[in-house]
Amino acid sequence: MAGHLAAWSYLHEIDSPENKAFVSAWRRFCNAPNVVTDDPMEAT
């Protein structure tokens, strides 16, 4: 992994219509109404 960088910049609580739509869609996809998202999930 030498020379590779990872930046974890996604925040679940961003107050924007796009983020709220993403979190809602992710929760439907997971069939879990309280699941929390993070950077790897967002990137997927």
N, C-alpha and C. Protein backbone atom coordinates (compact mmCIF):
# COMPACT_ATOMS: atom_id res chain seq x y z
N MET A 1 0.81 -1.20 0.00
CA MET A 1 0.00 0.00 0.00
C MET A 1 0.86 1.26 0.00
N ALA A 2 2.14 1.13 -0.11
CA ALA A 2 3.01 2.30 -0.12
C ALA A 2 2.59 3.26 -1.24
N GLY A 3 2.49 4.51 -0.90
CA GLY A 3 2.14 5.52 -1.88
C GLY A 3 0.65 5.75 -2.06
N HIS A 4 -0.18 5.03 -1.32
CA HIS A 4 -1.63 5.20 -1.41
C HIS A 4 -2.14 6.03 -0.24
N LEU A 5 -3.11 6.86 -0.52
CA LEU A 5 -3.72 7.69 0.51
C LEU A 5 -5.20 7.37 0.61
N ALA A 6 -5.73 7.54 1.79
CA ALA A 6 -7.18 7.43 2.00
C ALA A 6 -7.63 8.66 2.77
N ALA A 7 -8.68 9.30 2.30
CA ALA A 7 -9.23 10.46 2.99
C ALA A 7 -10.69 10.15 3.31
N TRP A 8 -11.00 10.13 4.56
CA TRP A 8 -12.37 9.83 5.01
C TRP A 8 -13.09 11.15 5.24
N SER A 9 -13.77 11.59 4.21
CA SER A 9 -14.35 12.93 4.26
C SER A 9 -15.88 12.94 4.29
N TYR A 10 -16.54 11.80 4.30
CA TYR A 10 -18.00 11.78 4.28
C TYR A 10 -18.56 11.89 5.69
N LEU A 11 -19.56 12.73 5.88
CA LEU A 11 -20.21 12.91 7.17
C LEU A 11 -21.70 12.63 7.02
N HIS A 12 -22.18 11.66 7.77
CA HIS A 12 -23.57 11.20 7.72
C HIS A 12 -24.58 12.33 7.96
N GLU A 13 -24.23 13.29 8.80
CA GLU A 13 -25.19 14.31 9.23
C GLU A 13 -25.19 15.59 8.40
N ILE A 14 -24.59 15.58 7.21
CA ILE A 14 -24.61 16.78 6.37
C ILE A 14 -26.06 17.15 6.06
N ASP A 15 -26.40 18.39 6.30
CA ASP A 15 -27.78 18.85 6.14
C ASP A 15 -27.98 19.41 4.72
N SER A 16 -28.20 18.49 3.78
CA SER A 16 -28.49 18.90 2.41
C SER A 16 -29.53 17.93 1.84
N PRO A 17 -30.32 18.37 0.89
CA PRO A 17 -31.32 17.48 0.29
C PRO A 17 -30.69 16.24 -0.34
N GLU A 18 -29.52 16.42 -0.99
CA GLU A 18 -28.84 15.30 -1.63
C GLU A 18 -28.39 14.25 -0.61
N ASN A 19 -27.84 14.71 0.48
CA ASN A 19 -27.38 13.77 1.50
C ASN A 19 -28.55 13.06 2.17
N LYS A 20 -29.60 13.80 2.46
CA LYS A 20 -30.78 13.18 3.07
C LYS A 20 -31.36 12.12 2.15
N ALA A 21 -31.38 12.39 0.85
CA ALA A 21 -31.89 11.41 -0.11
C ALA A 21 -30.98 10.18 -0.14
N PHE A 22 -29.65 10.40 -0.11
CA PHE A 22 -28.71 9.29 -0.10
C PHE A 22 -28.89 8.42 1.14
N VAL A 23 -28.96 9.05 2.31
CA VAL A 23 -29.11 8.29 3.56
C VAL A 23 -30.42 7.50 3.54
N SER A 24 -31.47 8.13 3.08
CA SER A 24 -32.76 7.45 2.99
C SER A 24 -32.69 6.25 2.05
N ALA A 25 -32.07 6.44 0.90
CA ALA A 25 -31.94 5.33 -0.06
C ALA A 25 -31.06 4.22 0.50
N TRP A 26 -30.00 4.58 1.20
CA TRP A 26 -29.10 3.58 1.79
C TRP A 26 -29.85 2.76 2.85
N ARG A 27 -30.66 3.43 3.66
CA ARG A 27 -31.42 2.73 4.70
C ARG A 27 -32.44 1.78 4.08
N ARG A 28 -33.07 2.19 2.97
CA ARG A 28 -33.99 1.29 2.28
C ARG A 28 -33.23 0.09 1.71
N PHE A 29 -32.08 0.34 1.10
CA PHE A 29 -31.26 -0.72 0.53
C PHE A 29 -30.85 -1.74 1.60
N CYS A 30 -30.48 -1.25 2.77
CA CYS A 30 -30.06 -2.13 3.87
C CYS A 30 -31.24 -2.73 4.63
N ASN A 31 -32.44 -2.22 4.35
CA ASN A 31 -33.63 -2.64 5.07
C ASN A 31 -33.44 -2.47 6.58
N ALA A 32 -32.82 -1.33 6.93
CA ALA A 32 -32.53 -1.02 8.34
C ALA A 32 -32.74 0.48 8.53
N PRO A 33 -33.84 0.88 9.16
CA PRO A 33 -34.19 2.29 9.23
C PRO A 33 -33.25 3.17 10.04
N ASN A 34 -32.39 2.58 10.86
CA ASN A 34 -31.50 3.38 11.69
C ASN A 34 -30.03 3.20 11.35
N VAL A 35 -29.72 2.52 10.23
CA VAL A 35 -28.32 2.28 9.88
C VAL A 35 -27.61 3.61 9.62
N VAL A 36 -26.36 3.69 10.04
CA VAL A 36 -25.55 4.88 9.86
C VAL A 36 -24.62 4.66 8.68
N THR A 37 -24.45 5.67 7.87
CA THR A 37 -23.55 5.57 6.72
C THR A 37 -22.17 6.11 7.09
N ASP A 38 -21.18 5.74 6.29
CA ASP A 38 -19.84 6.28 6.45
C ASP A 38 -19.17 6.34 5.09
N ASP A 39 -17.92 6.74 5.05
CA ASP A 39 -17.25 6.96 3.78
C ASP A 39 -17.19 5.73 2.89
N PRO A 40 -16.81 4.54 3.39
CA PRO A 40 -16.79 3.38 2.49
C PRO A 40 -18.17 3.04 1.93
N MET A 41 -19.21 3.21 2.73
CA MET A 41 -20.57 2.92 2.25
C MET A 41 -20.99 3.93 1.18
N GLU A 42 -20.65 5.18 1.39
CA GLU A 42 -20.98 6.22 0.42
C GLU A 42 -20.25 5.97 -0.89
N ALA A 43 -19.00 5.57 -0.81
CA ALA A 43 -18.20 5.34 -2.01
C ALA A 43 -18.67 4.12 -2.79
N THR A 44 -19.27 3.17 -2.09
CA THR A 44 -19.78 1.97 -2.73
C THR A 44 -20.92 2.32 -3.64
